[in-house]
Amino acid sequence: LTPFFISSCSLSDSFPPLKQDSPVSSNGSELRLVLLGRTASGRRAAGNTILGREEFGRSVRREGEVCGRHLVLVDTPDWFCPGLSLEEIKQDVGLCVRLSAPGSHAFLLVIPVEPSKEEERGVLERMEEMFGEGCWGHTVIIFTHDDSLKEQSIEEFLQVGSQDLQEVVEKCGSRYHVLNIKDRTHDTQVPELLEKIEEMVSGNRESFYCSQTYQEAEVQVREMERKIQREMEDRKLRHEIETRERGNCKNL
C-alpha cells in the first residue's frame, strides 16, 4: 500500500476548491469518479483508458474532457489489502473525500478478468466499512482485461466465478462494464461506460454520494487545514518578532 500523506504542501497544492454540485447530463457538467481496486487489478490502467491518455502514475486526481463530459477521476491506494486496519484506511479516505468534494457521483470498483484468487473475499465488508452500506447504489464494477475475453464472454466468466464475486455483482444491482485496457481502439467502450454511469446517477436523482463517513472525513481534513494554517501564521509571527528584536539589538 502506498498511503496518501497529507502535509502543508499537499494541502495547498493538491486540494481543489470546493464546488457546488450540478446535475449530471451529456451537456458537459462535471462527473466525479473514484477508482477502487487491488494494486494489480488494472485500476490505474482503467483510469488512463477512460481519459484516453497516460495520466495515472503517482497522481491521485486527474481531470479531462471525455465525450462532452468533464470528468474528475480520483485514484486510491489498495484498500482491500489483507491485514490493513480500518483506522489505517480512514487516514487515506479523508484525502479521497477531499479530492472528490463535495462528493463522488460513482465508485468504479475495478476487478480483473482472471481466475479467482479469492481476492473478492472481504470486498463487501471493506466497502461498507469505508463508505457505508449505501455506497452500492453508487457503484459500477469495471472488469478489466487485456484481450483475455476473446474465447469467453463476461457472462461465462461470472457463471464460473466465486460466490463472493457473484455477491459483489448482485450488491451493485448487476451494474458492470468490460474494459479492454490493452487495446484502446474500441471506440464504444468508454462512451458506453459513461452512459451506464449517467443512467445510475440519474436513478440516484442526479445526486452525489455523501455518507456519514464522507462527512466525518471532510470535517477532519478541514480541521487539519485550519491547524496547519494556524501553525504557519504562528511561525511567521515568531519570525517577524525575532527579526525586530535582532534589529533592536543592533541599534543599541
C-alpha atoms as a PDB file:
ATOM      1  CA  LEU A   1       0.000   0.000   0.000  1.00  0.00           C
ATOM      2  CA  THR A   2       1.222   3.472  -0.885  1.00  0.00           C
ATOM      3  CA  PRO A   3      -0.527   5.780   1.566  1.00  0.00           C
ATOM      4  CA  PHE A   4      -1.664   9.325   0.897  1.00  0.00           C
ATOM      5  CA  PHE A   5       0.438  11.656   3.044  1.00  0.00           C
ATOM      6  CA  ILE A   6      -1.156  14.962   3.992  1.00  0.00           C
ATOM      7  CA  SER A   7       1.275  17.829   4.517  1.00  0.00           C
ATOM      8  CA  SER A   8       1.134  21.599   4.394  1.00  0.00           C
ATOM      9  CA  CYS A   9       2.404  21.461   0.814  1.00  0.00           C
ATOM     10  CA  SER A  10      -0.069  18.849  -0.396  1.00  0.00           C
ATOM     11  CA  LEU A  11      -2.959  20.666   1.233  1.00  0.00           C
ATOM     12  CA  SER A  12      -2.294  23.862  -0.670  1.00  0.00           C
ATOM     13  CA  ASP A  13      -1.202  22.287  -3.945  1.00  0.00           C
ATOM     14  CA  SER A  14      -3.361  19.176  -4.323  1.00  0.00           C
ATOM     15  CA  PHE A  15      -6.735  20.058  -2.871  1.00  0.00           C
ATOM     16  CA  PRO A  16      -9.122  21.734  -5.301  1.00  0.00           C
ATOM     17  CA  PRO A  17     -11.583  24.330  -4.013  1.00  0.00           C
ATOM     18  CA  LEU A  18     -14.982  23.011  -3.033  1.00  0.00           C
ATOM     19  CA  LYS A  19     -17.543  23.268  -5.813  1.00  0.00           C
ATOM     20  CA  GLN A  20     -21.305  23.362  -5.738  1.00  0.00           C
ATOM     21  CA  ASP A  21     -22.835  20.240  -7.225  1.00  0.00           C
ATOM     22  CA  SER A  22     -24.559  20.398 -10.579  1.00  0.00           C
ATOM     23  CA  PRO A  23     -26.769  17.857 -12.325  1.00  0.00           C
ATOM     24  CA  VAL A  24     -25.025  15.291 -14.483  1.00  0.00           C
ATOM     25  CA  SER A  25     -26.023  15.188 -18.116  1.00  0.00           C
ATOM     26  CA  SER A  26     -24.455  14.988 -21.548  1.00  0.00           C
ATOM     27  CA  ASN A  27     -24.085  18.767 -21.740  1.00  0.00           C
ATOM     28  CA  GLY A  28     -20.606  18.751 -20.236  1.00  0.00           C
ATOM     29  CA  SER A  29     -21.281  19.080 -16.495  1.00  0.00           C
ATOM     30  CA  GLU A  30     -18.819  17.586 -14.036  1.00  0.00           C
ATOM     31  CA  LEU A  31     -18.808  13.882 -13.254  1.00  0.00           C
ATOM     32  CA  ARG A  32     -16.680  12.861 -10.247  1.00  0.00           C
ATOM     33  CA  LEU A  33     -15.489   9.241 -10.221  1.00  0.00           C
ATOM     34  CA  VAL A  34     -13.448   7.346  -7.611  1.00  0.00           C
ATOM     35  CA  LEU A  35     -11.357   4.360  -8.752  1.00  0.00           C
ATOM     36  CA  LEU A  36     -11.203   1.440  -6.303  1.00  0.00           C
ATOM     37  CA  GLY A  37      -9.432  -1.915  -6.544  1.00  0.00           C
ATOM     38  CA  ARG A  38      -6.404  -4.042  -5.773  1.00  0.00           C
ATOM     39  CA  THR A  39      -2.934  -2.967  -6.904  1.00  0.00           C
ATOM     40  CA  ALA A  40      -2.781  -5.435  -9.807  1.00  0.00           C
ATOM     41  CA  SER A  41      -6.415  -5.040 -10.831  1.00  0.00           C
ATOM     42  CA  GLY A  42      -5.710  -2.636 -13.693  1.00  0.00           C
ATOM     43  CA  ARG A  43      -7.148   0.256 -11.692  1.00  0.00           C
ATOM     44  CA  ARG A  44      -4.780   2.930 -12.983  1.00  0.00           C
ATOM     45  CA  ALA A  45      -4.852   1.482 -16.495  1.00  0.00           C
ATOM     46  CA  ALA A  46      -8.633   1.774 -16.365  1.00  0.00           C
ATOM     47  CA  GLY A  47      -8.303   5.439 -15.412  1.00  0.00           C
ATOM     48  CA  ASN A  48      -5.899   6.027 -18.305  1.00  0.00           C
ATOM     49  CA  THR A  49      -8.252   4.225 -20.697  1.00  0.00           C
ATOM     50  CA  ILE A  50     -11.210   6.339 -19.606  1.00  0.00           C
ATOM     51  CA  LEU A  51      -9.265   9.590 -20.045  1.00  0.00           C
ATOM     52  CA  GLY A  52      -7.692   8.366 -23.287  1.00  0.00           C
ATOM     53  CA  ARG A  53      -4.135   9.195 -22.231  1.00  0.00           C
ATOM     54  CA  GLU A  54      -1.448   8.154 -19.770  1.00  0.00           C
ATOM     55  CA  GLU A  55      -2.226  10.177 -16.657  1.00  0.00           C
ATOM     56  CA  PHE A  56      -2.199   7.956 -13.606  1.00  0.00           C
ATOM     57  CA  GLY A  57       1.263   7.231 -12.302  1.00  0.00           C
ATOM     58  CA  ARG A  58       1.798   8.755  -8.901  1.00  0.00           C
ATOM     59  CA  SER A  59      -1.036  11.236  -9.340  1.00  0.00           C
ATOM     60  CA  VAL A  60      -4.226  10.719  -7.389  1.00  0.00           C
ATOM     61  CA  ARG A  61      -6.509  13.195  -9.185  1.00  0.00           C
ATOM     62  CA  ARG A  62      -6.866  13.955 -12.862  1.00  0.00           C
ATOM     63  CA  GLU A  63      -9.424  15.830 -14.952  1.00  0.00           C
ATOM     64  CA  GLY A  64     -10.310  15.766 -18.620  1.00  0.00           C
ATOM     65  CA  GLU A  65     -12.986  16.265 -21.246  1.00  0.00           C
ATOM     66  CA  VAL A  66     -14.327  12.928 -22.473  1.00  0.00           C
ATOM     67  CA  CYS A  67     -17.311  12.533 -24.798  1.00  0.00           C
ATOM     68  CA  GLY A  68     -18.518  16.031 -23.999  1.00  0.00           C
ATOM     69  CA  ARG A  69     -18.327  15.472 -20.257  1.00  0.00           C
ATOM     70  CA  HIS A  70     -15.917  16.988 -17.752  1.00  0.00           C
ATOM     71  CA  LEU A  71     -14.536  14.050 -15.767  1.00  0.00           C
ATOM     72  CA  VAL A  72     -12.749  14.147 -12.428  1.00  0.00           C
ATOM     73  CA  LEU A  73     -11.061  10.815 -11.640  1.00  0.00           C
ATOM     74  CA  VAL A  74      -9.602  10.109  -8.209  1.00  0.00           C
ATOM     75  CA  ASP A  75      -7.261   7.140  -7.819  1.00  0.00           C
ATOM     76  CA  THR A  76      -6.979   5.403  -4.444  1.00  0.00           C
ATOM     77  CA  PRO A  77      -4.492   3.044  -2.767  1.00  0.00           C
ATOM     78  CA  ASP A  78      -5.175  -0.669  -2.384  1.00  0.00           C
ATOM     79  CA  TRP A  79      -7.653  -0.525   0.489  1.00  0.00           C
ATOM     80  CA  PHE A  80      -8.535  -4.203   0.027  1.00  0.00           C
ATOM     81  CA  CYS A  81      -5.101  -5.471   1.041  1.00  0.00           C
ATOM     82  CA  PRO A  82      -5.482  -8.088   3.805  1.00  0.00           C
ATOM     83  CA  GLY A  83      -4.186  -7.017   7.184  1.00  0.00           C
ATOM     84  CA  LEU A  84      -4.976  -3.316   6.886  1.00  0.00           C
ATOM     85  CA  SER A  85      -6.869  -1.923   9.845  1.00  0.00           C
ATOM     86  CA  LEU A  86      -9.878   0.324   9.398  1.00  0.00           C
ATOM     87  CA  GLU A  87      -8.025   3.119  11.194  1.00  0.00           C
ATOM     88  CA  GLU A  88      -5.176   2.947   8.656  1.00  0.00           C
ATOM     89  CA  ILE A  89      -7.661   3.140   5.804  1.00  0.00           C
ATOM     90  CA  LYS A  90      -9.621   6.049   7.264  1.00  0.00           C
ATOM     91  CA  GLN A  91      -6.465   8.158   7.239  1.00  0.00           C
ATOM     92  CA  ASP A  92      -6.455   7.833   3.444  1.00  0.00           C
ATOM     93  CA  VAL A  93     -10.215   8.086   2.942  1.00  0.00           C
ATOM     94  CA  GLY A  94     -10.053  11.685   4.167  1.00  0.00           C
ATOM     95  CA  LEU A  95      -7.939  12.735   1.197  1.00  0.00           C
ATOM     96  CA  CYS A  96     -10.118  10.754  -1.206  1.00  0.00           C
ATOM     97  CA  VAL A  97     -13.147  12.618   0.134  1.00  0.00           C
ATOM     98  CA  ARG A  98     -11.436  15.983  -0.253  1.00  0.00           C
ATOM     99  CA  LEU A  99     -10.289  15.290  -3.803  1.00  0.00           C
ATOM    100  CA  SER A 100     -13.806  14.269  -4.860  1.00  0.00           C
ATOM    101  CA  ALA A 101     -15.555  17.039  -2.898  1.00  0.00           C
ATOM    102  CA  PRO A 102     -18.381  17.712  -2.439  1.00  0.00           C
ATOM    103  CA  GLY A 103     -18.957  14.010  -3.166  1.00  0.00           C
ATOM    104  CA  SER A 104     -18.433  11.236  -5.683  1.00  0.00           C
ATOM    105  CA  HIS A 105     -21.059  10.538  -8.331  1.00  0.00           C
ATOM    106  CA  ALA A 106     -19.772   6.984  -8.752  1.00  0.00           C
ATOM    107  CA  PHE A 107     -17.378   4.455  -7.283  1.00  0.00           C
ATOM    108  CA  LEU A 108     -15.697   2.410 -10.020  1.00  0.00           C
ATOM    109  CA  LEU A 109     -14.737  -0.928  -8.473  1.00  0.00           C
ATOM    110  CA  VAL A 110     -12.055  -2.425 -10.738  1.00  0.00           C
ATOM    111  CA  ILE A 111     -11.782  -6.234 -10.867  1.00  0.00           C
ATOM    112  CA  PRO A 112      -9.556  -8.092 -13.361  1.00  0.00           C
ATOM    113  CA  VAL A 113     -10.939 -10.830 -15.596  1.00  0.00           C
ATOM    114  CA  GLU A 114      -8.747 -13.701 -14.469  1.00  0.00           C
ATOM    115  CA  PRO A 115      -9.034 -16.917 -12.456  1.00  0.00           C
ATOM    116  CA  SER A 116     -10.220 -16.110  -8.952  1.00  0.00           C
ATOM    117  CA  LYS A 117      -7.541 -15.639  -6.296  1.00  0.00           C
ATOM    118  CA  GLU A 118     -10.239 -15.228  -3.657  1.00  0.00           C
ATOM    119  CA  GLU A 119      -9.421 -11.514  -3.606  1.00  0.00           C
ATOM    120  CA  GLU A 120     -13.123 -10.718  -3.863  1.00  0.00           C
ATOM    121  CA  ARG A 121     -13.487 -12.077  -0.350  1.00  0.00           C
ATOM    122  CA  GLY A 122     -13.864  -9.202   2.056  1.00  0.00           C
ATOM    123  CA  VAL A 123     -14.692  -6.616  -0.633  1.00  0.00           C
ATOM    124  CA  LEU A 124     -18.275  -6.340   0.576  1.00  0.00           C
ATOM    125  CA  GLU A 125     -17.266  -5.779   4.179  1.00  0.00           C
ATOM    126  CA  ARG A 126     -14.448  -3.363   3.349  1.00  0.00           C
ATOM    127  CA  MET A 127     -16.585  -1.243   1.007  1.00  0.00           C
ATOM    128  CA  GLU A 128     -19.269  -0.865   3.651  1.00  0.00           C
ATOM    129  CA  GLU A 129     -16.692  -0.105   6.348  1.00  0.00           C
ATOM    130  CA  MET A 130     -15.228   2.693   4.246  1.00  0.00           C
ATOM    131  CA  PHE A 131     -18.303   4.233   2.658  1.00  0.00           C
ATOM    132  CA  GLY A 132     -21.380   2.785   4.337  1.00  0.00           C
ATOM    133  CA  GLU A 133     -23.930   0.314   3.009  1.00  0.00           C
ATOM    134  CA  GLY A 134     -25.472   2.933   0.734  1.00  0.00           C
ATOM    135  CA  CYS A 135     -22.335   3.003  -1.442  1.00  0.00           C
ATOM    136  CA  TRP A 136     -23.590   0.092  -3.565  1.00  0.00           C
ATOM    137  CA  GLY A 137     -26.254   2.260  -5.138  1.00  0.00           C
ATOM    138  CA  HIS A 138     -23.424   4.450  -6.458  1.00  0.00           C
ATOM    139  CA  THR A 139     -21.057   1.681  -7.594  1.00  0.00           C
ATOM    140  CA  VAL A 140     -20.273   0.302 -11.053  1.00  0.00           C
ATOM    141  CA  ILE A 141     -17.924  -2.671 -11.441  1.00  0.00           C
ATOM    142  CA  ILE A 142     -15.296  -2.412 -14.176  1.00  0.00           C
ATOM    143  CA  PHE A 143     -13.979  -5.777 -15.344  1.00  0.00           C
ATOM    144  CA  THR A 144     -10.560  -5.137 -16.874  1.00  0.00           C
ATOM    145  CA  HIS A 145      -8.843  -7.433 -19.360  1.00  0.00           C
ATOM    146  CA  ASP A 146      -6.106  -7.425 -21.992  1.00  0.00           C
ATOM    147  CA  ASP A 147      -7.813  -9.397 -24.776  1.00  0.00           C
ATOM    148  CA  SER A 148      -8.403 -12.298 -22.370  1.00  0.00           C
ATOM    149  CA  LEU A 149     -12.136 -12.378 -23.157  1.00  0.00           C
ATOM    150  CA  LYS A 150     -11.722 -13.410 -26.787  1.00  0.00           C
ATOM    151  CA  GLU A 151     -12.691 -17.000 -26.033  1.00  0.00           C
ATOM    152  CA  GLN A 152     -15.033 -16.334 -23.117  1.00  0.00           C
ATOM    153  CA  SER A 153     -17.902 -13.930 -22.546  1.00  0.00           C
ATOM    154  CA  ILE A 154     -18.216 -11.897 -19.365  1.00  0.00           C
ATOM    155  CA  GLU A 155     -21.395 -13.833 -18.555  1.00  0.00           C
ATOM    156  CA  GLU A 156     -19.473 -17.118 -18.748  1.00  0.00           C
ATOM    157  CA  PHE A 157     -16.744 -15.642 -16.563  1.00  0.00           C
ATOM    158  CA  LEU A 158     -19.290 -14.647 -13.924  1.00  0.00           C
ATOM    159  CA  GLN A 159     -21.038 -18.024 -14.014  1.00  0.00           C
ATOM    160  CA  VAL A 160     -17.841 -19.851 -13.070  1.00  0.00           C
ATOM    161  CA  GLY A 161     -16.691 -17.085 -10.726  1.00  0.00           C
ATOM    162  CA  SER A 162     -16.562 -17.330  -6.968  1.00  0.00           C
ATOM    163  CA  GLN A 163     -19.628 -16.866  -4.819  1.00  0.00           C
ATOM    164  CA  ASP A 164     -18.013 -13.743  -3.348  1.00  0.00           C
ATOM    165  CA  LEU A 165     -17.692 -12.202  -6.810  1.00  0.00           C
ATOM    166  CA  GLN A 166     -21.286 -13.028  -7.668  1.00  0.00           C
ATOM    167  CA  GLU A 167     -22.406 -11.446  -4.404  1.00  0.00           C
ATOM    168  CA  VAL A 168     -20.495  -8.239  -5.179  1.00  0.00           C
ATOM    169  CA  VAL A 169     -22.138  -8.063  -8.620  1.00  0.00           C
ATOM    170  CA  GLU A 170     -25.544  -8.610  -7.044  1.00  0.00           C
ATOM    171  CA  LYS A 171     -24.916  -5.866  -4.463  1.00  0.00           C
ATOM    172  CA  CYS A 172     -24.197  -3.452  -7.321  1.00  0.00           C
ATOM    173  CA  GLY A 173     -27.503  -4.286  -8.962  1.00  0.00           C
ATOM    174  CA  SER A 174     -25.611  -6.160 -11.724  1.00  0.00           C
ATOM    175  CA  ARG A 175     -24.105  -2.878 -12.931  1.00  0.00           C
ATOM    176  CA  TYR A 176     -20.823  -3.749 -14.601  1.00  0.00           C
ATOM    177  CA  HIS A 177     -18.813  -2.889 -17.678  1.00  0.00           C
ATOM    178  CA  VAL A 178     -15.988  -4.653 -19.504  1.00  0.00           C
ATOM    179  CA  LEU A 179     -12.939  -2.540 -20.314  1.00  0.00           C
ATOM    180  CA  ASN A 180     -10.074  -3.634 -22.553  1.00  0.00           C
ATOM    181  CA  ILE A 181      -7.051  -1.864 -21.039  1.00  0.00           C
ATOM    182  CA  LYS A 182      -4.627  -3.166 -23.668  1.00  0.00           C
ATOM    183  CA  ASP A 183      -6.382  -2.295 -26.915  1.00  0.00           C
ATOM    184  CA  ARG A 184      -7.850   1.211 -26.670  1.00  0.00           C
ATOM    185  CA  THR A 185      -9.039   1.277 -30.274  1.00  0.00           C
ATOM    186  CA  HIS A 186     -12.519   0.200 -29.169  1.00  0.00           C
ATOM    187  CA  ASP A 187     -14.384   3.426 -29.856  1.00  0.00           C
ATOM    188  CA  THR A 188     -17.512   2.474 -27.934  1.00  0.00           C
ATOM    189  CA  GLN A 189     -16.246   1.040 -24.635  1.00  0.00           C
ATOM    190  CA  VAL A 190     -15.687   4.355 -22.817  1.00  0.00           C
ATOM    191  CA  PRO A 191     -18.848   6.109 -24.111  1.00  0.00           C
ATOM    192  CA  GLU A 192     -20.894   3.054 -23.122  1.00  0.00           C
ATOM    193  CA  LEU A 193     -19.333   3.081 -19.644  1.00  0.00           C
ATOM    194  CA  LEU A 194     -20.182   6.752 -19.180  1.00  0.00           C
ATOM    195  CA  GLU A 195     -23.749   6.085 -20.306  1.00  0.00           C
ATOM    196  CA  LYS A 196     -24.087   3.367 -17.653  1.00  0.00           C
ATOM    197  CA  ILE A 197     -22.698   5.708 -15.010  1.00  0.00           C
ATOM    198  CA  GLU A 198     -25.047   8.511 -16.014  1.00  0.00           C
ATOM    199  CA  GLU A 199     -28.009   6.140 -16.007  1.00  0.00           C
ATOM    200  CA  MET A 200     -27.111   5.158 -12.443  1.00  0.00           C
ATOM    201  CA  VAL A 201     -26.633   8.795 -11.393  1.00  0.00           C
ATOM    202  CA  SER A 202     -29.977   9.680 -12.946  1.00  0.00           C
ATOM    203  CA  GLY A 203     -31.582   6.891 -10.925  1.00  0.00           C
ATOM    204  CA  ASN A 204     -30.000   8.461  -7.842  1.00  0.00           C
ATOM    205  CA  ARG A 205     -31.782  11.732  -8.692  1.00  0.00           C
ATOM    206  CA  GLU A 206     -28.523  13.140 -10.066  1.00  0.00           C
ATOM    207  CA  SER A 207     -27.053  13.365  -6.572  1.00  0.00           C
ATOM    208  CA  PHE A 208     -23.510  12.582  -5.483  1.00  0.00           C
ATOM    209  CA  TYR A 209     -22.681  10.184  -2.667  1.00  0.00           C
ATOM    210  CA  CYS A 210     -22.116  11.736   0.735  1.00  0.00           C
ATOM    211  CA  SER A 211     -22.359   9.307   3.638  1.00  0.00           C
ATOM    212  CA  GLN A 212     -21.627   9.977   7.294  1.00  0.00           C
ATOM    213  CA  THR A 213     -18.132   8.581   6.685  1.00  0.00           C
ATOM    214  CA  TYR A 214     -17.588  11.175   3.954  1.00  0.00           C
ATOM    215  CA  GLN A 215     -18.844  13.966   6.186  1.00  0.00           C
ATOM    216  CA  GLU A 216     -16.665  12.917   9.134  1.00  0.00           C
ATOM    217  CA  ALA A 217     -13.572  12.665   6.940  1.00  0.00           C
ATOM    218  CA  GLU A 218     -14.291  16.085   5.439  1.00  0.00           C
ATOM    219  CA  VAL A 219     -14.508  17.612   8.922  1.00  0.00           C
ATOM    220  CA  GLN A 220     -11.190  16.015   9.886  1.00  0.00           C
ATOM    221  CA  VAL A 221      -9.432  17.329   6.775  1.00  0.00           C
ATOM    222  CA  ARG A 222     -10.841  20.831   7.274  1.00  0.00           C
ATOM    223  CA  GLU A 223      -9.650  20.823  10.893  1.00  0.00           C
ATOM    224  CA  MET A 224      -6.197  19.715   9.735  1.00  0.00           C
ATOM    225  CA  GLU A 225      -6.124  22.551   7.196  1.00  0.00           C
ATOM    226  CA  ARG A 226      -7.015  25.075   9.909  1.00  0.00           C
ATOM    227  CA  LYS A 227      -4.360  23.652  12.242  1.00  0.00           C
ATOM    228  CA  ILE A 228      -1.662  23.864   9.564  1.00  0.00           C
ATOM    229  CA  GLN A 229      -2.738  27.408   8.686  1.00  0.00           C
ATOM    230  CA  ARG A 230      -2.503  28.447  12.348  1.00  0.00           C
ATOM    231  CA  GLU A 231       0.963  26.881  12.640  1.00  0.00           C
ATOM    232  CA  MET A 232       2.142  28.734   9.523  1.00  0.00           C
ATOM    233  CA  GLU A 233       0.803  32.030  10.874  1.00  0.00           C
ATOM    234  CA  ASP A 234       2.467  31.403  14.258  1.00  0.00           C
ATOM    235  CA  ARG A 235       5.819  30.682  12.597  1.00  0.00           C
ATOM    236  CA  LYS A 236       5.519  33.835  10.503  1.00  0.00           C
ATOM    237  CA  LEU A 237       4.705  35.927  13.575  1.00  0.00           C
ATOM    238  CA  ARG A 238       7.613  34.463  15.557  1.00  0.00           C
ATOM    239  CA  HIS A 239       9.957  35.148  12.647  1.00  0.00           C
ATOM    240  CA  GLU A 240       8.813  38.785  12.461  1.00  0.00           C
ATOM    241  CA  ILE A 241       9.272  39.236  16.223  1.00  0.00           C
ATOM    242  CA  GLU A 242      12.756  37.688  16.142  1.00  0.00           C
ATOM    243  CA  THR A 243      13.713  39.893  13.189  1.00  0.00           C
ATOM    244  CA  ARG A 244      12.593  43.048  15.029  1.00  0.00           C
ATOM    245  CA  GLU A 245      14.420  42.004  18.204  1.00  0.00           C
ATOM    246  CA  ARG A 246      17.658  41.413  16.289  1.00  0.00           C
ATOM    247  CA  GLY A 247      17.262  44.824  14.678  1.00  0.00           C
ATOM    248  CA  ASN A 248      16.736  46.495  18.060  1.00  0.00           C
ATOM    249  CA  CYS A 249      19.840  44.805  19.468  1.00  0.00           C
ATOM    250  CA  LYS A 250      21.968  46.152  16.623  1.00  0.00           C
ATOM    251  CA  ASN A 251      20.733  49.690  17.300  1.00  0.00           C
ATOM    252  CA  LEU A 252      21.754  49.595  20.978  1.00  0.00           C
END
